[in-house]
């Protein structure tokens, strides 16, 4: 008989900061509650803010590294595209299983 349990898919990746520092970070699949809440948000500004909040919650690394990564993505890149890339990588990893 197959056994099931609650588990979140995750992907591990290297992130290189603009200063050359490289760190290993894990990205966890968003939970059902996180996804459901995002669907319920009608205001675009509020939905974008929540997207950043979910990204922060799904990144697993030291808090100072997480803050630095998020700041760099918001100031020097597109944090929404970054999250989309992580979601795509997560989906690819799930397919390979």
N, C-alpha and C. Protein backbone atom coordinates (compact mmCIF):
# COMPACT_ATOMS: atom_id res chain seq x y z
N UNK A 1 0.85 -1.18 0.00
CA UNK A 1 0.00 0.00 0.00
C UNK A 1 0.90 1.24 0.00
N UNK A 2 0.56 2.20 -0.82
CA UNK A 2 1.34 3.43 -0.91
C UNK A 2 1.03 4.32 0.29
N UNK A 3 2.07 4.98 0.79
CA UNK A 3 1.91 5.87 1.93
C UNK A 3 2.04 7.31 1.45
N UNK A 4 1.15 8.18 1.88
CA UNK A 4 1.18 9.60 1.55
C UNK A 4 1.43 10.40 2.82
N UNK A 5 2.05 11.56 2.65
CA UNK A 5 2.22 12.47 3.77
C UNK A 5 2.29 13.89 3.21
N UNK A 6 2.07 14.84 4.07
CA UNK A 6 2.16 16.24 3.65
C UNK A 6 3.62 16.59 3.43
N UNK A 7 3.92 17.05 2.24
CA UNK A 7 5.29 17.45 1.95
C UNK A 7 5.27 18.55 0.88
N UNK A 8 6.26 19.40 0.95
CA UNK A 8 6.39 20.48 -0.01
C UNK A 8 7.58 20.19 -0.91
N UNK A 9 7.34 20.35 -2.19
CA UNK A 9 8.45 20.22 -3.13
C UNK A 9 9.41 21.38 -2.90
N UNK A 10 10.68 21.16 -3.22
CA UNK A 10 11.67 22.22 -3.05
C UNK A 10 12.74 22.08 -4.12
N UNK A 11 13.39 23.19 -4.39
CA UNK A 11 14.50 23.20 -5.32
C UNK A 11 15.63 23.97 -4.64
N UNK A 12 16.84 23.48 -4.83
CA UNK A 12 18.01 24.14 -4.26
C UNK A 12 18.77 24.80 -5.40
N UNK A 13 19.25 26.03 -5.17
CA UNK A 13 19.96 26.74 -6.22
C UNK A 13 21.06 27.61 -5.62
N UNK A 14 22.00 27.98 -6.47
CA UNK A 14 23.04 28.92 -6.07
C UNK A 14 22.62 30.31 -6.52
N UNK A 15 22.86 31.28 -5.68
CA UNK A 15 22.57 32.68 -6.02
C UNK A 15 23.87 33.46 -5.90
N UNK A 16 24.22 34.18 -6.97
CA UNK A 16 25.42 35.00 -6.95
C UNK A 16 25.02 36.46 -6.84
N UNK A 17 25.44 37.08 -5.75
CA UNK A 17 25.18 38.50 -5.55
C UNK A 17 26.07 39.33 -6.46
N UNK A 18 25.70 40.57 -6.65
CA UNK A 18 26.49 41.46 -7.49
C UNK A 18 27.91 41.66 -6.97
N UNK A 19 28.11 41.47 -5.66
CA UNK A 19 29.45 41.63 -5.09
C UNK A 19 30.29 40.36 -5.24
N UNK A 20 29.73 39.32 -5.91
CA UNK A 20 30.47 38.08 -6.15
C UNK A 20 30.21 36.99 -5.14
N UNK A 21 29.61 37.30 -4.01
CA UNK A 21 29.29 36.29 -3.00
C UNK A 21 28.29 35.29 -3.58
N UNK A 22 28.53 34.01 -3.34
CA UNK A 22 27.64 32.95 -3.81
C UNK A 22 27.10 32.21 -2.60
N UNK A 23 25.78 32.02 -2.57
CA UNK A 23 25.14 31.30 -1.48
C UNK A 23 24.23 30.22 -2.05
N UNK A 24 23.96 29.20 -1.23
CA UNK A 24 23.02 28.15 -1.61
C UNK A 24 21.70 28.44 -0.89
N UNK A 25 20.63 28.42 -1.66
CA UNK A 25 19.30 28.75 -1.13
C UNK A 25 18.33 27.65 -1.56
N UNK A 26 17.35 27.38 -0.71
CA UNK A 26 16.27 26.47 -1.07
C UNK A 26 15.01 27.30 -1.30
N UNK A 27 14.22 26.87 -2.27
CA UNK A 27 12.93 27.49 -2.54
C UNK A 27 11.87 26.42 -2.37
N UNK A 28 10.94 26.65 -1.45
CA UNK A 28 9.86 25.71 -1.17
C UNK A 28 8.64 26.05 -2.01
N UNK A 29 7.93 25.03 -2.40
CA UNK A 29 6.67 25.23 -3.12
C UNK A 29 5.69 25.98 -2.21
N UNK A 30 4.99 26.97 -2.74
CA UNK A 30 3.98 27.65 -1.92
C UNK A 30 2.91 26.67 -1.44
N UNK A 31 2.39 26.93 -0.27
CA UNK A 31 1.35 26.06 0.30
C UNK A 31 -0.01 26.39 -0.31
N UNK A 32 -0.96 25.50 -0.09
CA UNK A 32 -2.33 25.73 -0.55
C UNK A 32 -2.88 27.02 0.05
N UNK A 33 -2.63 27.24 1.34
CA UNK A 33 -3.14 28.46 1.98
C UNK A 33 -2.56 29.71 1.33
N UNK A 34 -1.28 29.69 1.00
CA UNK A 34 -0.66 30.84 0.35
C UNK A 34 -1.27 31.08 -1.03
N UNK A 35 -1.46 30.01 -1.78
CA UNK A 35 -2.04 30.13 -3.12
C UNK A 35 -3.48 30.62 -3.03
N UNK A 36 -4.27 30.04 -2.14
CA UNK A 36 -5.67 30.44 -2.00
C UNK A 36 -5.80 31.92 -1.64
N UNK A 37 -4.95 32.38 -0.73
CA UNK A 37 -5.01 33.79 -0.33
C UNK A 37 -4.68 34.70 -1.52
N UNK A 38 -3.72 34.31 -2.34
CA UNK A 38 -3.35 35.16 -3.47
C UNK A 38 -4.48 35.26 -4.49
N UNK A 39 -5.24 34.19 -4.65
CA UNK A 39 -6.37 34.20 -5.58
C UNK A 39 -7.48 35.13 -5.09
N UNK A 40 -7.62 35.22 -3.77
CA UNK A 40 -8.69 36.04 -3.19
C UNK A 40 -8.38 37.54 -3.22
N UNK A 41 -7.16 37.93 -3.48
CA UNK A 41 -6.78 39.34 -3.47
C UNK A 41 -7.12 39.96 -4.83
N UNK A 42 -8.00 40.96 -4.80
CA UNK A 42 -8.42 41.60 -6.04
C UNK A 42 -7.59 42.82 -6.39
N UNK A 43 -7.10 43.53 -5.39
CA UNK A 43 -6.32 44.74 -5.61
C UNK A 43 -4.93 44.38 -6.13
N UNK A 44 -4.55 44.93 -7.27
CA UNK A 44 -3.28 44.59 -7.91
C UNK A 44 -2.09 44.91 -7.02
N UNK A 45 -2.10 46.08 -6.41
CA UNK A 45 -0.98 46.49 -5.56
C UNK A 45 -0.84 45.53 -4.38
N UNK A 46 -1.95 45.17 -3.78
CA UNK A 46 -1.94 44.24 -2.65
C UNK A 46 -1.46 42.85 -3.09
N UNK A 47 -1.88 42.41 -4.29
CA UNK A 47 -1.47 41.10 -4.80
C UNK A 47 0.04 41.07 -5.05
N UNK A 48 0.59 42.15 -5.61
CA UNK A 48 2.04 42.21 -5.84
C UNK A 48 2.80 42.17 -4.52
N UNK A 49 2.31 42.90 -3.54
CA UNK A 49 2.94 42.89 -2.23
C UNK A 49 2.90 41.50 -1.61
N UNK A 50 1.77 40.82 -1.76
CA UNK A 50 1.64 39.47 -1.22
C UNK A 50 2.56 38.49 -1.94
N UNK A 51 2.77 38.68 -3.23
CA UNK A 51 3.68 37.82 -3.99
C UNK A 51 5.08 37.89 -3.40
N UNK A 52 5.53 39.11 -3.05
CA UNK A 52 6.85 39.27 -2.42
C UNK A 52 6.88 38.61 -1.05
N UNK A 53 5.78 38.70 -0.32
CA UNK A 53 5.70 38.08 1.01
C UNK A 53 5.80 36.56 0.90
N UNK A 54 5.11 35.98 -0.06
CA UNK A 54 5.15 34.53 -0.26
C UNK A 54 6.56 34.10 -0.66
N UNK A 55 7.18 34.85 -1.55
CA UNK A 55 8.56 34.53 -1.95
C UNK A 55 9.46 34.51 -0.73
N UNK A 56 9.34 35.52 0.11
CA UNK A 56 10.16 35.60 1.33
C UNK A 56 9.92 34.38 2.23
N UNK A 57 8.67 33.98 2.36
CA UNK A 57 8.33 32.83 3.21
C UNK A 57 8.84 31.52 2.63
N UNK A 58 8.96 31.43 1.31
CA UNK A 58 9.34 30.18 0.66
C UNK A 58 10.85 30.02 0.48
N UNK A 59 11.61 31.09 0.70
CA UNK A 59 13.07 30.99 0.61
C UNK A 59 13.62 30.48 1.93
N UNK A 60 14.51 29.51 1.86
CA UNK A 60 15.12 28.94 3.06
C UNK A 60 16.62 29.21 3.02
N UNK A 61 17.05 30.11 3.90
CA UNK A 61 18.46 30.47 4.05
C UNK A 61 18.55 31.38 5.27
N UNK A 62 19.75 31.82 5.62
CA UNK A 62 19.91 32.74 6.73
C UNK A 62 19.11 34.01 6.46
N UNK A 63 18.53 34.59 7.50
CA UNK A 63 17.70 35.79 7.35
C UNK A 63 18.45 36.94 6.69
N UNK A 64 19.71 37.13 7.06
CA UNK A 64 20.46 38.25 6.46
C UNK A 64 20.70 38.01 4.97
N UNK A 65 20.94 36.77 4.58
CA UNK A 65 21.11 36.42 3.17
C UNK A 65 19.80 36.65 2.43
N UNK A 66 18.69 36.22 3.04
CA UNK A 66 17.38 36.38 2.43
C UNK A 66 17.06 37.86 2.18
N UNK A 67 17.30 38.68 3.19
CA UNK A 67 17.03 40.12 3.05
C UNK A 67 17.89 40.74 1.96
N UNK A 68 19.16 40.36 1.92
CA UNK A 68 20.08 40.89 0.90
C UNK A 68 19.63 40.47 -0.49
N UNK A 69 19.24 39.21 -0.64
CA UNK A 69 18.79 38.69 -1.92
C UNK A 69 17.53 39.43 -2.38
N UNK A 70 16.56 39.56 -1.49
CA UNK A 70 15.30 40.24 -1.85
C UNK A 70 15.55 41.70 -2.22
N UNK A 71 16.40 42.38 -1.44
CA UNK A 71 16.73 43.78 -1.74
C UNK A 71 17.38 43.90 -3.12
N UNK A 72 18.33 43.03 -3.40
CA UNK A 72 19.02 43.08 -4.69
C UNK A 72 18.03 42.83 -5.83
N UNK A 73 17.15 41.88 -5.66
CA UNK A 73 16.16 41.60 -6.70
C UNK A 73 15.20 42.77 -6.91
N UNK A 74 14.80 43.44 -5.83
CA UNK A 74 13.87 44.57 -5.96
C UNK A 74 14.54 45.80 -6.55
N UNK A 75 15.80 46.03 -6.21
CA UNK A 75 16.47 47.24 -6.66
C UNK A 75 17.15 47.09 -8.01
N UNK A 76 17.69 45.92 -8.31
CA UNK A 76 18.54 45.76 -9.49
C UNK A 76 17.98 44.78 -10.52
N UNK A 77 16.79 44.25 -10.28
CA UNK A 77 16.24 43.25 -11.19
C UNK A 77 14.72 43.33 -11.12
N UNK A 78 14.06 42.23 -11.44
CA UNK A 78 12.60 42.15 -11.37
C UNK A 78 12.25 40.97 -10.49
N UNK A 79 11.83 41.26 -9.27
CA UNK A 79 11.57 40.20 -8.28
C UNK A 79 10.44 39.27 -8.72
N UNK A 80 9.50 39.79 -9.51
CA UNK A 80 8.39 38.97 -9.98
C UNK A 80 8.86 37.96 -11.02
N UNK A 81 9.76 38.37 -11.89
CA UNK A 81 10.35 37.43 -12.85
C UNK A 81 11.22 36.40 -12.13
N UNK A 82 11.93 36.84 -11.10
CA UNK A 82 12.76 35.93 -10.30
C UNK A 82 11.89 34.84 -9.68
N UNK A 83 10.76 35.22 -9.09
CA UNK A 83 9.85 34.24 -8.50
C UNK A 83 9.29 33.31 -9.58
N UNK A 84 8.97 33.86 -10.73
CA UNK A 84 8.46 33.03 -11.83
C UNK A 84 9.50 32.01 -12.27
N UNK A 85 10.78 32.42 -12.33
CA UNK A 85 11.85 31.49 -12.68
C UNK A 85 11.98 30.37 -11.64
N UNK A 86 11.86 30.73 -10.36
CA UNK A 86 11.93 29.73 -9.30
C UNK A 86 10.74 28.77 -9.40
N UNK A 87 9.55 29.29 -9.68
CA UNK A 87 8.37 28.43 -9.83
C UNK A 87 8.54 27.49 -11.02
N UNK A 88 9.12 27.99 -12.10
CA UNK A 88 9.36 27.17 -13.28
C UNK A 88 10.38 26.07 -12.97
N UNK A 89 11.44 26.42 -12.27
CA UNK A 89 12.46 25.44 -11.90
C UNK A 89 11.87 24.37 -10.97
N UNK A 90 11.01 24.78 -10.07
CA UNK A 90 10.33 23.86 -9.17
C UNK A 90 9.44 22.90 -9.96
N UNK A 91 8.70 23.42 -10.93
CA UNK A 91 7.83 22.58 -11.75
C UNK A 91 8.67 21.57 -12.55
N UNK A 92 9.80 22.01 -13.08
CA UNK A 92 10.68 21.10 -13.82
C UNK A 92 11.24 20.01 -12.92
N UNK A 93 11.60 20.38 -11.69
CA UNK A 93 12.13 19.40 -10.74
C UNK A 93 11.07 18.36 -10.38
N UNK A 94 9.83 18.80 -10.26
CA UNK A 94 8.73 17.87 -9.95
C UNK A 94 8.50 16.90 -11.10
N UNK A 95 8.67 17.37 -12.33
CA UNK A 95 8.49 16.50 -13.50
C UNK A 95 9.56 15.43 -13.56
N UNK A 96 10.77 15.78 -13.11
CA UNK A 96 11.90 14.84 -13.17
C UNK A 96 11.77 13.73 -12.14
N UNK A 97 10.96 13.90 -11.14
CA UNK A 97 10.81 12.89 -10.08
C UNK A 97 10.23 11.61 -10.59
